[in-house]
Every structure is written in C-alpha cells, then in structure tokens.
PDB file of all heavy atoms in Angstrom:
ATOM      1  N   ALA A   1       4.847  -8.729  12.255  1.00  0.00           N
ATOM      2  CA  ALA A   1       5.130  -9.666  13.398  1.00  0.00           C
ATOM      3  C   ALA A   1       6.523 -10.121  13.399  1.00  0.00           C
ATOM      4  O   ALA A   1       6.945 -10.698  14.397  1.00  0.00           O
ATOM      5  CB  ALA A   1       4.137 -10.853  13.196  1.00  0.00           C
ATOM      6  N   THR A   2       7.259  -9.824  12.341  1.00  0.00           N
ATOM      7  CA  THR A   2       8.643 -10.297  12.255  1.00  0.00           C
ATOM      8  C   THR A   2       9.696  -9.239  12.593  1.00  0.00           C
ATOM      9  O   THR A   2      10.754  -9.578  13.060  1.00  0.00           O
ATOM     10  CB  THR A   2       8.929 -10.894  10.814  1.00  0.00           C
ATOM     11  OG1 THR A   2       7.906 -11.822  10.517  1.00  0.00           O
ATOM     12  CG2 THR A   2      10.324 -11.522  10.703  1.00  0.00           C
ATOM     13  N   ILE A   3       9.379  -8.009  12.266  1.00  0.00           N
ATOM     14  CA  ILE A   3      10.385  -6.983  12.457  1.00  0.00           C
ATOM     15  C   ILE A   3      10.172  -6.274  13.827  1.00  0.00           C
ATOM     16  O   ILE A   3       9.065  -6.309  14.369  1.00  0.00           O
ATOM     17  CB  ILE A   3      10.214  -5.853  11.353  1.00  0.00           C
ATOM     18  CG1 ILE A   3       8.893  -5.198  11.349  1.00  0.00           C
ATOM     19  CG2 ILE A   3      10.514  -6.470  10.024  1.00  0.00           C
ATOM     20  CD1 ILE A   3       8.725  -4.087  10.434  1.00  0.00           C
ATOM     21  N   PRO A   4      11.291  -5.709  14.399  1.00  0.00           N
ATOM     22  CA  PRO A   4      11.081  -5.003  15.661  1.00  0.00           C
ATOM     23  C   PRO A   4      10.098  -3.854  15.565  1.00  0.00           C
ATOM     24  O   PRO A   4       9.985  -3.216  14.492  1.00  0.00           O
ATOM     25  CB  PRO A   4      12.530  -4.522  15.897  1.00  0.00           C
ATOM     26  CG  PRO A   4      13.411  -5.399  15.230  1.00  0.00           C
ATOM     27  CD  PRO A   4      12.655  -5.780  13.966  1.00  0.00           C
ATOM     28  N   ASP A   5       9.443  -3.564  16.672  1.00  0.00           N
ATOM     29  CA  ASP A   5       8.376  -2.552  16.579  1.00  0.00           C
ATOM     30  C   ASP A   5       8.898  -1.146  16.391  1.00  0.00           C
ATOM     31  O   ASP A   5       8.152  -0.260  15.908  1.00  0.00           O
ATOM     32  CB  ASP A   5       7.646  -2.618  17.980  1.00  0.00           C
ATOM     33  CG  ASP A   5       6.406  -1.658  17.991  1.00  0.00           C
ATOM     34  OD1 ASP A   5       5.510  -1.899  17.171  1.00  0.00           O
ATOM     35  OD2 ASP A   5       6.425  -0.757  18.788  1.00  0.00           O
ATOM     36  N   ASP A   6      10.189  -0.905  16.639  1.00  0.00           N
ATOM     37  CA  ASP A   6      10.699   0.450  16.593  1.00  0.00           C
ATOM     38  C   ASP A   6      11.485   0.803  15.384  1.00  0.00           C
ATOM     39  O   ASP A   6      12.103   1.853  15.238  1.00  0.00           O
ATOM     40  CB  ASP A   6      11.508   0.763  17.893  1.00  0.00           C
ATOM     41  CG  ASP A   6      12.735  -0.213  18.065  1.00  0.00           C
ATOM     42  OD1 ASP A   6      12.807  -1.193  17.314  1.00  0.00           O
ATOM     43  OD2 ASP A   6      13.522   0.056  18.962  1.00  0.00           O
ATOM     44  N   VAL A   7      11.584  -0.147  14.431  1.00  0.00           N
ATOM     45  CA  VAL A   7      12.369   0.116  13.190  1.00  0.00           C
ATOM     46  C   VAL A   7      11.508   0.645  12.066  1.00  0.00           C
ATOM     47  O   VAL A   7      10.282   0.467  12.126  1.00  0.00           O
ATOM     48  CB  VAL A   7      13.117  -1.177  12.691  1.00  0.00           C
ATOM     49  CG1 VAL A   7      13.920  -1.752  13.761  1.00  0.00           C
ATOM     50  CG2 VAL A   7      12.103  -2.178  12.146  1.00  0.00           C
ATOM     51  N   GLU A   8      12.090   1.333  11.136  1.00  0.00           N
ATOM     52  CA  GLU A   8      11.304   1.840  10.025  1.00  0.00           C
ATOM     53  C   GLU A   8      10.987   0.721   9.053  1.00  0.00           C
ATOM     54  O   GLU A   8      11.783  -0.228   8.813  1.00  0.00           O
ATOM     55  CB  GLU A   8      12.048   2.930   9.273  1.00  0.00           C
ATOM     56  CG  GLU A   8      11.294   3.457   8.021  1.00  0.00           C
ATOM     57  CD  GLU A   8      11.921   4.682   7.400  1.00  0.00           C
ATOM     58  OE1 GLU A   8      13.056   5.074   7.808  1.00  0.00           O
ATOM     59  OE2 GLU A   8      11.291   5.181   6.380  1.00  0.00           O
ATOM     60  N   VAL A   9       9.776   0.814   8.504  1.00  0.00           N
ATOM     61  CA  VAL A   9       9.406  -0.127   7.442  1.00  0.00           C
ATOM     62  C   VAL A   9       8.630   0.650   6.386  1.00  0.00           C
ATOM     63  O   VAL A   9       7.946   1.658   6.753  1.00  0.00           O
ATOM     64  CB  VAL A   9       8.580  -1.320   7.942  1.00  0.00           C
ATOM     65  CG1 VAL A   9       7.302  -0.861   8.547  1.00  0.00           C
ATOM     66  CG2 VAL A   9       8.291  -2.350   6.835  1.00  0.00           C
ATOM     67  N   ILE A  10       8.742   0.256   5.152  1.00  0.00           N
ATOM     68  CA  ILE A  10       7.988   0.937   4.076  1.00  0.00           C
ATOM     69  C   ILE A  10       7.188  -0.171   3.369  1.00  0.00           C
ATOM     70  O   ILE A  10       7.719  -1.202   2.983  1.00  0.00           O
ATOM     71  CB  ILE A  10       8.933   1.592   3.037  1.00  0.00           C
ATOM     72  CG1 ILE A  10       9.839   2.620   3.743  1.00  0.00           C
ATOM     73  CG2 ILE A  10       8.150   2.221   1.873  1.00  0.00           C
ATOM     74  CD1 ILE A  10      10.897   3.182   2.817  1.00  0.00           C
ATOM     75  N   PHE A  11       5.946   0.127   3.129  1.00  0.00           N
ATOM     76  CA  PHE A  11       5.048  -0.777   2.318  1.00  0.00           C
ATOM     77  C   PHE A  11       4.789  -0.066   1.010  1.00  0.00           C
ATOM     78  O   PHE A  11       4.334   1.047   1.003  1.00  0.00           O
ATOM     79  CB  PHE A  11       3.773  -1.086   3.078  1.00  0.00           C
ATOM     80  CG  PHE A  11       3.926  -2.000   4.293  1.00  0.00           C
ATOM     81  CD1 PHE A  11       3.905  -1.506   5.550  1.00  0.00           C
ATOM     82  CD2 PHE A  11       4.138  -3.338   4.056  1.00  0.00           C
ATOM     83  CE1 PHE A  11       4.084  -2.336   6.618  1.00  0.00           C
ATOM     84  CE2 PHE A  11       4.377  -4.139   5.151  1.00  0.00           C
ATOM     85  CZ  PHE A  11       4.219  -3.651   6.471  1.00  0.00           C
ATOM     86  N   ALA A  12       5.094  -0.767  -0.053  1.00  0.00           N
ATOM     87  CA  ALA A  12       4.827  -0.267  -1.429  1.00  0.00           C
ATOM     88  C   ALA A  12       3.514  -0.975  -1.882  1.00  0.00           C
ATOM     89  O   ALA A  12       3.514  -2.139  -2.142  1.00  0.00           O
ATOM     90  CB  ALA A  12       5.891  -0.530  -2.385  1.00  0.00           C
ATOM     91  N   TYR A  13       2.389  -0.187  -1.781  1.00  0.00           N
ATOM     92  CA  TYR A  13       1.151  -0.751  -2.349  1.00  0.00           C
ATOM     93  C   TYR A  13       1.156  -0.732  -3.825  1.00  0.00           C
ATOM     94  O   TYR A  13       1.061   0.270  -4.424  1.00  0.00           O
ATOM     95  CB  TYR A  13      -0.069   0.019  -1.739  1.00  0.00           C
ATOM     96  CG  TYR A  13      -1.381  -0.415  -2.259  1.00  0.00           C
ATOM     97  CD1 TYR A  13      -1.782  -1.738  -2.161  1.00  0.00           C
ATOM     98  CD2 TYR A  13      -2.208   0.448  -2.958  1.00  0.00           C
ATOM     99  CE1 TYR A  13      -3.018  -2.140  -2.728  1.00  0.00           C
ATOM    100  CE2 TYR A  13      -3.418   0.059  -3.510  1.00  0.00           C
ATOM    101  CZ  TYR A  13      -3.818  -1.263  -3.365  1.00  0.00           C
ATOM    102  OH  TYR A  13      -5.022  -1.701  -3.910  1.00  0.00           O
ATOM    103  N   GLU A  14       1.149  -1.967  -4.385  1.00  0.00           N
ATOM    104  CA  GLU A  14       1.188  -2.138  -5.810  1.00  0.00           C
ATOM    105  C   GLU A  14       0.131  -3.161  -6.274  1.00  0.00           C
ATOM    106  O   GLU A  14       0.435  -4.362  -6.230  1.00  0.00           O
ATOM    107  CB  GLU A  14       2.564  -2.572  -6.342  1.00  0.00           C
ATOM    108  CG  GLU A  14       3.686  -1.621  -6.010  1.00  0.00           C
ATOM    109  CD  GLU A  14       4.986  -2.117  -6.607  1.00  0.00           C
ATOM    110  OE1 GLU A  14       5.401  -3.195  -6.342  1.00  0.00           O
ATOM    111  OE2 GLU A  14       5.607  -1.286  -7.310  1.00  0.00           O
ATOM    112  N   PRO A  15      -1.052  -2.653  -6.589  1.00  0.00           N
ATOM    113  CA  PRO A  15      -2.082  -3.604  -7.089  1.00  0.00           C
ATOM    114  C   PRO A  15      -1.485  -4.387  -8.283  1.00  0.00           C
ATOM    115  O   PRO A  15      -1.009  -3.776  -9.216  1.00  0.00           O
ATOM    116  CB  PRO A  15      -3.196  -2.777  -7.516  1.00  0.00           C
ATOM    117  CG  PRO A  15      -3.032  -1.445  -6.770  1.00  0.00           C
ATOM    118  CD  PRO A  15      -1.555  -1.308  -6.616  1.00  0.00           C
ATOM    119  N   VAL A  16      -1.450  -5.638  -8.269  1.00  0.00           N
ATOM    120  CA  VAL A  16      -0.741  -6.459  -9.269  1.00  0.00           C
ATOM    121  C   VAL A  16      -1.271  -6.221 -10.669  1.00  0.00           C
ATOM    122  O   VAL A  16      -0.573  -6.053 -11.653  1.00  0.00           O
ATOM    123  CB  VAL A  16      -0.894  -7.955  -8.946  1.00  0.00           C
ATOM    124  CG1 VAL A  16      -0.188  -8.777 -10.065  1.00  0.00           C
ATOM    125  CG2 VAL A  16      -0.223  -8.275  -7.645  1.00  0.00           C
ATOM    126  N   TRP A  17      -2.601  -5.901 -10.747  1.00  0.00           N
ATOM    127  CA  TRP A  17      -3.269  -5.669 -11.985  1.00  0.00           C
ATOM    128  C   TRP A  17      -2.866  -4.230 -12.569  1.00  0.00           C
ATOM    129  O   TRP A  17      -3.139  -3.943 -13.704  1.00  0.00           O
ATOM    130  CB  TRP A  17      -4.726  -5.761 -11.842  1.00  0.00           C
ATOM    131  CG  TRP A  17      -5.337  -5.035 -10.653  1.00  0.00           C
ATOM    132  CD1 TRP A  17      -5.584  -5.569  -9.430  1.00  0.00           C
ATOM    133  CD2 TRP A  17      -5.759  -3.660 -10.635  1.00  0.00           C
ATOM    134  NE1 TRP A  17      -6.038  -4.538  -8.590  1.00  0.00           N
ATOM    135  CE2 TRP A  17      -6.212  -3.373  -9.294  1.00  0.00           C
ATOM    136  CE3 TRP A  17      -5.828  -2.597 -11.592  1.00  0.00           C
ATOM    137  CZ2 TRP A  17      -6.758  -2.120  -8.928  1.00  0.00           C
ATOM    138  CZ3 TRP A  17      -6.303  -1.390 -11.189  1.00  0.00           C
ATOM    139  CH2 TRP A  17      -6.740  -1.145  -9.863  1.00  0.00           C
ATOM    140  N   ALA A  18      -2.283  -3.381 -11.740  1.00  0.00           N
ATOM    141  CA  ALA A  18      -1.958  -2.068 -12.198  1.00  0.00           C
ATOM    142  C   ALA A  18      -0.531  -1.968 -12.683  1.00  0.00           C
ATOM    143  O   ALA A  18      -0.085  -1.094 -13.312  1.00  0.00           O
ATOM    144  CB  ALA A  18      -2.185  -1.034 -11.110  1.00  0.00           C
ATOM    145  N   ILE A  19       0.298  -3.006 -12.342  1.00  0.00           N
ATOM    146  CA  ILE A  19       1.716  -2.997 -12.708  1.00  0.00           C
ATOM    147  C   ILE A  19       1.828  -3.153 -14.212  1.00  0.00           C
ATOM    148  O   ILE A  19       1.307  -4.171 -14.813  1.00  0.00           O
ATOM    149  CB  ILE A  19       2.526  -4.114 -12.040  1.00  0.00           C
ATOM    150  CG1 ILE A  19       2.473  -3.845 -10.442  1.00  0.00           C
ATOM    151  CG2 ILE A  19       3.949  -4.160 -12.507  1.00  0.00           C
ATOM    152  CD1 ILE A  19       3.049  -5.072  -9.687  1.00  0.00           C
ATOM    153  N   GLY A  20       2.445  -2.227 -14.845  1.00  0.00           N
ATOM    154  CA  GLY A  20       2.620  -2.281 -16.315  1.00  0.00           C
ATOM    155  C   GLY A  20       1.398  -1.853 -17.145  1.00  0.00           C
ATOM    156  O   GLY A  20       1.385  -2.018 -18.349  1.00  0.00           O
ATOM    157  N   ALA A  21       0.341  -1.442 -16.426  1.00  0.00           N
ATOM    158  CA  ALA A  21      -0.925  -0.976 -17.071  1.00  0.00           C
ATOM    159  C   ALA A  21      -0.740   0.351 -17.693  1.00  0.00           C
ATOM    160  O   ALA A  21       0.277   1.083 -17.533  1.00  0.00           O
ATOM    161  CB  ALA A  21      -2.067  -0.983 -16.102  1.00  0.00           C
ATOM    162  N   SER A  22      -1.695   0.779 -18.571  1.00  0.00           N
ATOM    163  CA  SER A  22      -1.648   2.109 -19.192  1.00  0.00           C
ATOM    164  C   SER A  22      -1.918   3.221 -18.237  1.00  0.00           C
ATOM    165  O   SER A  22      -1.409   4.386 -18.466  1.00  0.00           O
ATOM    166  CB  SER A  22      -2.604   2.158 -20.371  1.00  0.00           C
ATOM    167  OG  SER A  22      -3.983   1.887 -19.934  1.00  0.00           O
ATOM    168  N   GLU A  23      -2.673   2.945 -17.117  1.00  0.00           N
ATOM    169  CA  GLU A  23      -2.992   3.968 -16.198  1.00  0.00           C
ATOM    170  C   GLU A  23      -2.834   3.402 -14.802  1.00  0.00           C
ATOM    171  O   GLU A  23      -2.968   2.173 -14.550  1.00  0.00           O
ATOM    172  CB  GLU A  23      -4.443   4.380 -16.298  1.00  0.00           C
ATOM    173  CG  GLU A  23      -4.763   5.077 -17.663  1.00  0.00           C
ATOM    174  CD  GLU A  23      -4.185   6.457 -17.764  1.00  0.00           C
ATOM    175  OE1 GLU A  23      -3.946   7.062 -16.712  1.00  0.00           O
ATOM    176  OE2 GLU A  23      -4.017   6.905 -18.890  1.00  0.00           O
ATOM    177  N   PRO A  24      -2.539   4.231 -13.759  1.00  0.00           N
ATOM    178  CA  PRO A  24      -2.440   3.766 -12.407  1.00  0.00           C
ATOM    179  C   PRO A  24      -3.814   3.455 -11.881  1.00  0.00           C
ATOM    180  O   PRO A  24      -4.844   3.708 -12.524  1.00  0.00           O
ATOM    181  CB  PRO A  24      -1.912   4.952 -11.623  1.00  0.00           C
ATOM    182  CG  PRO A  24      -2.248   6.113 -12.471  1.00  0.00           C
ATOM    183  CD  PRO A  24      -2.209   5.678 -13.905  1.00  0.00           C
ATOM    184  N   ALA A  25      -3.883   2.743 -10.717  1.00  0.00           N
ATOM    185  CA  ALA A  25      -5.169   2.437 -10.117  1.00  0.00           C
ATOM    186  C   ALA A  25      -5.926   3.682  -9.790  1.00  0.00           C
ATOM    187  O   ALA A  25      -5.366   4.752  -9.616  1.00  0.00           O
ATOM    188  CB  ALA A  25      -4.924   1.630  -8.809  1.00  0.00           C
ATOM    189  N   ASP A  26      -7.268   3.546  -9.720  1.00  0.00           N
ATOM    190  CA  ASP A  26      -8.186   4.698  -9.430  1.00  0.00           C
ATOM    191  C   ASP A  26      -7.712   5.300  -8.074  1.00  0.00           C
ATOM    192  O   ASP A  26      -7.471   4.685  -7.165  1.00  0.00           O
ATOM    193  CB  ASP A  26      -9.614   4.295  -9.349  1.00  0.00           C
ATOM    194  CG  ASP A  26     -10.525   5.432  -9.012  1.00  0.00           C
ATOM    195  OD1 ASP A  26     -10.796   6.176  -9.894  1.00  0.00           O
ATOM    196  OD2 ASP A  26     -10.921   5.466  -7.829  1.00  0.00           O
ATOM    197  N   ALA A  27      -7.650   6.718  -8.098  1.00  0.00           N
ATOM    198  CA  ALA A  27      -7.187   7.375  -6.886  1.00  0.00           C
ATOM    199  C   ALA A  27      -7.993   7.099  -5.655  1.00  0.00           C
ATOM    200  O   ALA A  27      -7.424   6.888  -4.591  1.00  0.00           O
ATOM    201  CB  ALA A  27      -7.129   8.891  -7.201  1.00  0.00           C
ATOM    202  N   ASP A  28      -9.304   7.046  -5.787  1.00  0.00           N
ATOM    203  CA  ASP A  28     -10.129   6.757  -4.597  1.00  0.00           C
ATOM    204  C   ASP A  28      -9.866   5.367  -4.082  1.00  0.00           C
ATOM    205  O   ASP A  28      -9.804   5.186  -2.826  1.00  0.00           O
ATOM    206  CB  ASP A  28     -11.591   6.931  -4.966  1.00  0.00           C
ATOM    207  CG  ASP A  28     -12.081   8.331  -5.114  1.00  0.00           C
ATOM    208  OD1 ASP A  28     -11.389   9.208  -4.612  1.00  0.00           O
ATOM    209  OD2 ASP A  28     -13.160   8.566  -5.756  1.00  0.00           O
ATOM    210  N   HIS A  29      -9.658   4.418  -4.961  1.00  0.00           N
ATOM    211  CA  HIS A  29      -9.309   3.055  -4.528  1.00  0.00           C
ATOM    212  C   HIS A  29      -7.993   3.035  -3.748  1.00  0.00           C
ATOM    213  O   HIS A  29      -7.927   2.470  -2.658  1.00  0.00           O
ATOM    214  CB  HIS A  29      -9.184   2.138  -5.683  1.00  0.00           C
ATOM    215  CG  HIS A  29      -8.742   0.780  -5.410  1.00  0.00           C
ATOM    216  ND1 HIS A  29      -9.720  -0.209  -5.045  1.00  0.00           N
ATOM    217  CD2 HIS A  29      -7.589   0.195  -5.379  1.00  0.00           C
ATOM    218  CE1 HIS A  29      -9.060  -1.352  -4.809  1.00  0.00           C
ATOM    219  NE2 HIS A  29      -7.731  -1.154  -5.042  1.00  0.00           N
ATOM    220  N   VAL A  30      -7.018   3.691  -4.241  1.00  0.00           N
ATOM    221  CA  VAL A  30      -5.692   3.733  -3.646  1.00  0.00           C
ATOM    222  C   VAL A  30      -5.781   4.366  -2.248  1.00  0.00           C
ATOM    223  O   VAL A  30      -5.210   3.876  -1.232  1.00  0.00           O
ATOM    224  CB  VAL A  30      -4.600   4.472  -4.510  1.00  0.00           C
ATOM    225  CG1 VAL A  30      -3.314   4.653  -3.759  1.00  0.00           C
ATOM    226  CG2 VAL A  30      -4.368   3.734  -5.772  1.00  0.00           C
ATOM    227  N   VAL A  31      -6.406   5.509  -2.198  1.00  0.00           N
ATOM    228  CA  VAL A  31      -6.561   6.218  -0.884  1.00  0.00           C
ATOM    229  C   VAL A  31      -7.316   5.378   0.139  1.00  0.00           C
ATOM    230  O   VAL A  31      -6.817   5.227   1.311  1.00  0.00           O
ATOM    231  CB  VAL A  31      -7.183   7.544  -1.110  1.00  0.00           C
ATOM    232  CG1 VAL A  31      -7.506   8.198   0.256  1.00  0.00           C
ATOM    233  CG2 VAL A  31      -6.297   8.512  -1.890  1.00  0.00           C
ATOM    234  N   ASN A  32      -8.399   4.803  -0.273  1.00  0.00           N
ATOM    235  CA  ASN A  32      -9.208   4.022   0.703  1.00  0.00           C
ATOM    236  C   ASN A  32      -8.346   2.765   1.162  1.00  0.00           C
ATOM    237  O   ASN A  32      -8.437   2.435   2.372  1.00  0.00           O
ATOM    238  CB  ASN A  32     -10.523   3.582  -0.003  1.00  0.00           C
ATOM    239  CG  ASN A  32     -11.521   4.751  -0.042  1.00  0.00           C
ATOM    240  OD1 ASN A  32     -11.508   5.631   0.774  1.00  0.00           O
ATOM    241  ND2 ASN A  32     -12.281   4.736  -1.114  1.00  0.00           N
ATOM    242  N   VAL A  33      -7.700   2.128   0.282  1.00  0.00           N
ATOM    243  CA  VAL A  33      -6.927   0.930   0.728  1.00  0.00           C
ATOM    244  C   VAL A  33      -5.731   1.320   1.552  1.00  0.00           C
ATOM    245  O   VAL A  33      -5.513   0.732   2.585  1.00  0.00           O
ATOM    246  CB  VAL A  33      -6.479   0.182  -0.479  1.00  0.00           C
ATOM    247  CG1 VAL A  33      -5.500  -0.966  -0.100  1.00  0.00           C
ATOM    248  CG2 VAL A  33      -7.586  -0.429  -1.294  1.00  0.00           C
ATOM    249  N   THR A  34      -4.956   2.379   1.142  1.00  0.00           N
ATOM    250  CA  THR A  34      -3.798   2.686   1.931  1.00  0.00           C
ATOM    251  C   THR A  34      -4.083   3.312   3.265  1.00  0.00           C
ATOM    252  O   THR A  34      -3.340   3.141   4.242  1.00  0.00           O
ATOM    253  CB  THR A  34      -2.869   3.633   1.136  1.00  0.00           C
ATOM    254  OG1 THR A  34      -3.650   4.771   0.647  1.00  0.00           O
ATOM    255  CG2 THR A  34      -2.277   2.878  -0.061  1.00  0.00           C
ATOM    256  N   LYS A  35      -5.216   3.972   3.408  1.00  0.00           N
ATOM    257  CA  LYS A  35      -5.583   4.475   4.764  1.00  0.00           C
ATOM    258  C   LYS A  35      -5.785   3.346   5.719  1.00  0.00           C
ATOM    259  O   LYS A  35      -5.490   3.357   6.827  1.00  0.00           O
ATOM    260  CB  LYS A  35      -6.870   5.342   4.661  1.00  0.00           C
ATOM    261  CG  LYS A  35      -6.579   6.763   4.164  1.00  0.00           C
ATOM    262  CD  LYS A  35      -7.862   7.638   4.177  1.00  0.00           C
ATOM    263  CE  LYS A  35      -7.605   9.057   3.833  1.00  0.00           C
ATOM    264  NZ  LYS A  35      -8.798   9.906   3.911  1.00  0.00           N
ATOM    265  N   GLU A  36      -6.453   2.221   5.174  1.00  0.00           N
ATOM    266  CA  GLU A  36      -6.629   1.084   6.067  1.00  0.00           C
ATOM    267  C   GLU A  36      -5.328   0.342   6.359  1.00  0.00           C
ATOM    268  O   GLU A  36      -5.082  -0.132   7.452  1.00  0.00           O
ATOM    269  CB  GLU A  36      -7.627   0.102   5.371  1.00  0.00           C
ATOM    270  CG  GLU A  36      -8.016  -1.043   6.214  1.00  0.00           C
ATOM    271  CD  GLU A  36      -8.680  -0.687   7.519  1.00  0.00           C
ATOM    272  OE1 GLU A  36      -9.304   0.423   7.610  1.00  0.00           O
ATOM    273  OE2 GLU A  36      -8.515  -1.346   8.569  1.00  0.00           O
ATOM    274  N   LEU A  37      -4.401   0.292   5.358  1.00  0.00           N
ATOM    275  CA  LEU A  37      -3.100  -0.299   5.563  1.00  0.00           C
ATOM    276  C   LEU A  37      -2.406   0.439   6.663  1.00  0.00           C
ATOM    277  O   LEU A  37      -1.732  -0.146   7.512  1.00  0.00           O
ATOM    278  CB  LEU A  37      -2.317  -0.319   4.248  1.00  0.00           C
ATOM    279  CG  LEU A  37      -2.885  -1.070   3.118  1.00  0.00           C
ATOM    280  CD1 LEU A  37      -1.922  -0.832   1.876  1.00  0.00           C
ATOM    281  CD2 LEU A  37      -2.949  -2.618   3.440  1.00  0.00           C
ATOM    282  N   ARG A  38      -2.531   1.762   6.730  1.00  0.00           N
ATOM    283  CA  ARG A  38      -1.809   2.583   7.676  1.00  0.00           C
ATOM    284  C   ARG A  38      -2.400   2.289   9.096  1.00  0.00           C
ATOM    285  O   ARG A  38      -1.631   2.247  10.070  1.00  0.00           O
ATOM    286  CB  ARG A  38      -1.951   4.069   7.410  1.00  0.00           C
ATOM    287  CG  ARG A  38      -0.911   4.906   8.153  1.00  0.00           C
ATOM    288  CD  ARG A  38      -0.999   6.376   7.774  1.00  0.00           C
ATOM    289  NE  ARG A  38      -0.736   6.650   6.375  1.00  0.00           N
ATOM    290  CZ  ARG A  38       0.488   6.692   5.784  1.00  0.00           C
ATOM    291  NH1 ARG A  38       1.515   6.432   6.561  1.00  0.00           N
ATOM    292  NH2 ARG A  38       0.610   6.996   4.536  1.00  0.00           N
ATOM    293  N   ARG A  39      -3.710   1.998   9.168  1.00  0.00           N
ATOM    294  CA  ARG A  39      -4.242   1.684  10.443  1.00  0.00           C
ATOM    295  C   ARG A  39      -3.752   0.404  11.025  1.00  0.00           C
ATOM    296  O   ARG A  39      -3.598   0.223  12.202  1.00  0.00           O
ATOM    297  CB  ARG A  39      -5.848   1.579  10.353  1.00  0.00           C
ATOM    298  CG  ARG A  39      -6.470   2.918  10.082  1.00  0.00           C
ATOM    299  CD  ARG A  39      -7.993   2.846  10.207  1.00  0.00           C
ATOM    300  NE  ARG A  39      -8.670   4.013   9.731  1.00  0.00           N
ATOM    301  CZ  ARG A  39      -9.233   4.227   8.600  1.00  0.00           C
ATOM    302  NH1 ARG A  39      -9.152   3.256   7.674  1.00  0.00           N
ATOM    303  NH2 ARG A  39      -9.745   5.417   8.281  1.00  0.00           N
ATOM    304  N   MET A  40      -3.375  -0.535  10.145  1.00  0.00           N
ATOM    305  CA  MET A  40      -2.822  -1.765  10.593  1.00  0.00           C
ATOM    306  C   MET A  40      -1.552  -1.595  11.344  1.00  0.00           C
ATOM    307  O   MET A  40      -1.102  -2.401  12.183  1.00  0.00           O
ATOM    308  CB  MET A  40      -2.556  -2.742   9.396  1.00  0.00           C
ATOM    309  CG  MET A  40      -3.817  -3.127   8.646  1.00  0.00           C
ATOM    310  SD  MET A  40      -3.401  -4.210   7.254  1.00  0.00           S
ATOM    311  CE  MET A  40      -4.972  -4.163   6.300  1.00  0.00           C
ATOM    312  N   ALA A  41      -0.827  -0.547  11.096  1.00  0.00           N
ATOM    313  CA  ALA A  41       0.477  -0.244  11.646  1.00  0.00           C
ATOM    314  C   ALA A  41       0.456   0.897  12.620  1.00  0.00           C
ATOM    315  O   ALA A  41       1.543   1.368  13.097  1.00  0.00           O
ATOM    316  CB  ALA A  41       1.554  -0.011  10.585  1.00  0.00           C
TER     317      ALA A  41
END
C-alpha cells in the first residue's frame, strides 16, 4: 500500500522460529506459505 505499483520489491520470508535454528523450515510449509504470499502481489 506504500510503494508504487510498478517498482520492484522483494519479500524475504523468514519464519522467526527458523532463524538460527539447526534446520530450515519444512519445505512444504515454505512452499504453501510463499505461494499465497505471491498471490497477494
């Protein structure tokens, strides 16, 4: 809502609980969440 519609933006999806963890978030979880994030834009 704040940036112009025609500029590039990058969203870094970082589940807070996965930052600094021994393993990344489950792949299915990441794909399902990020696909929906992409729909928002």
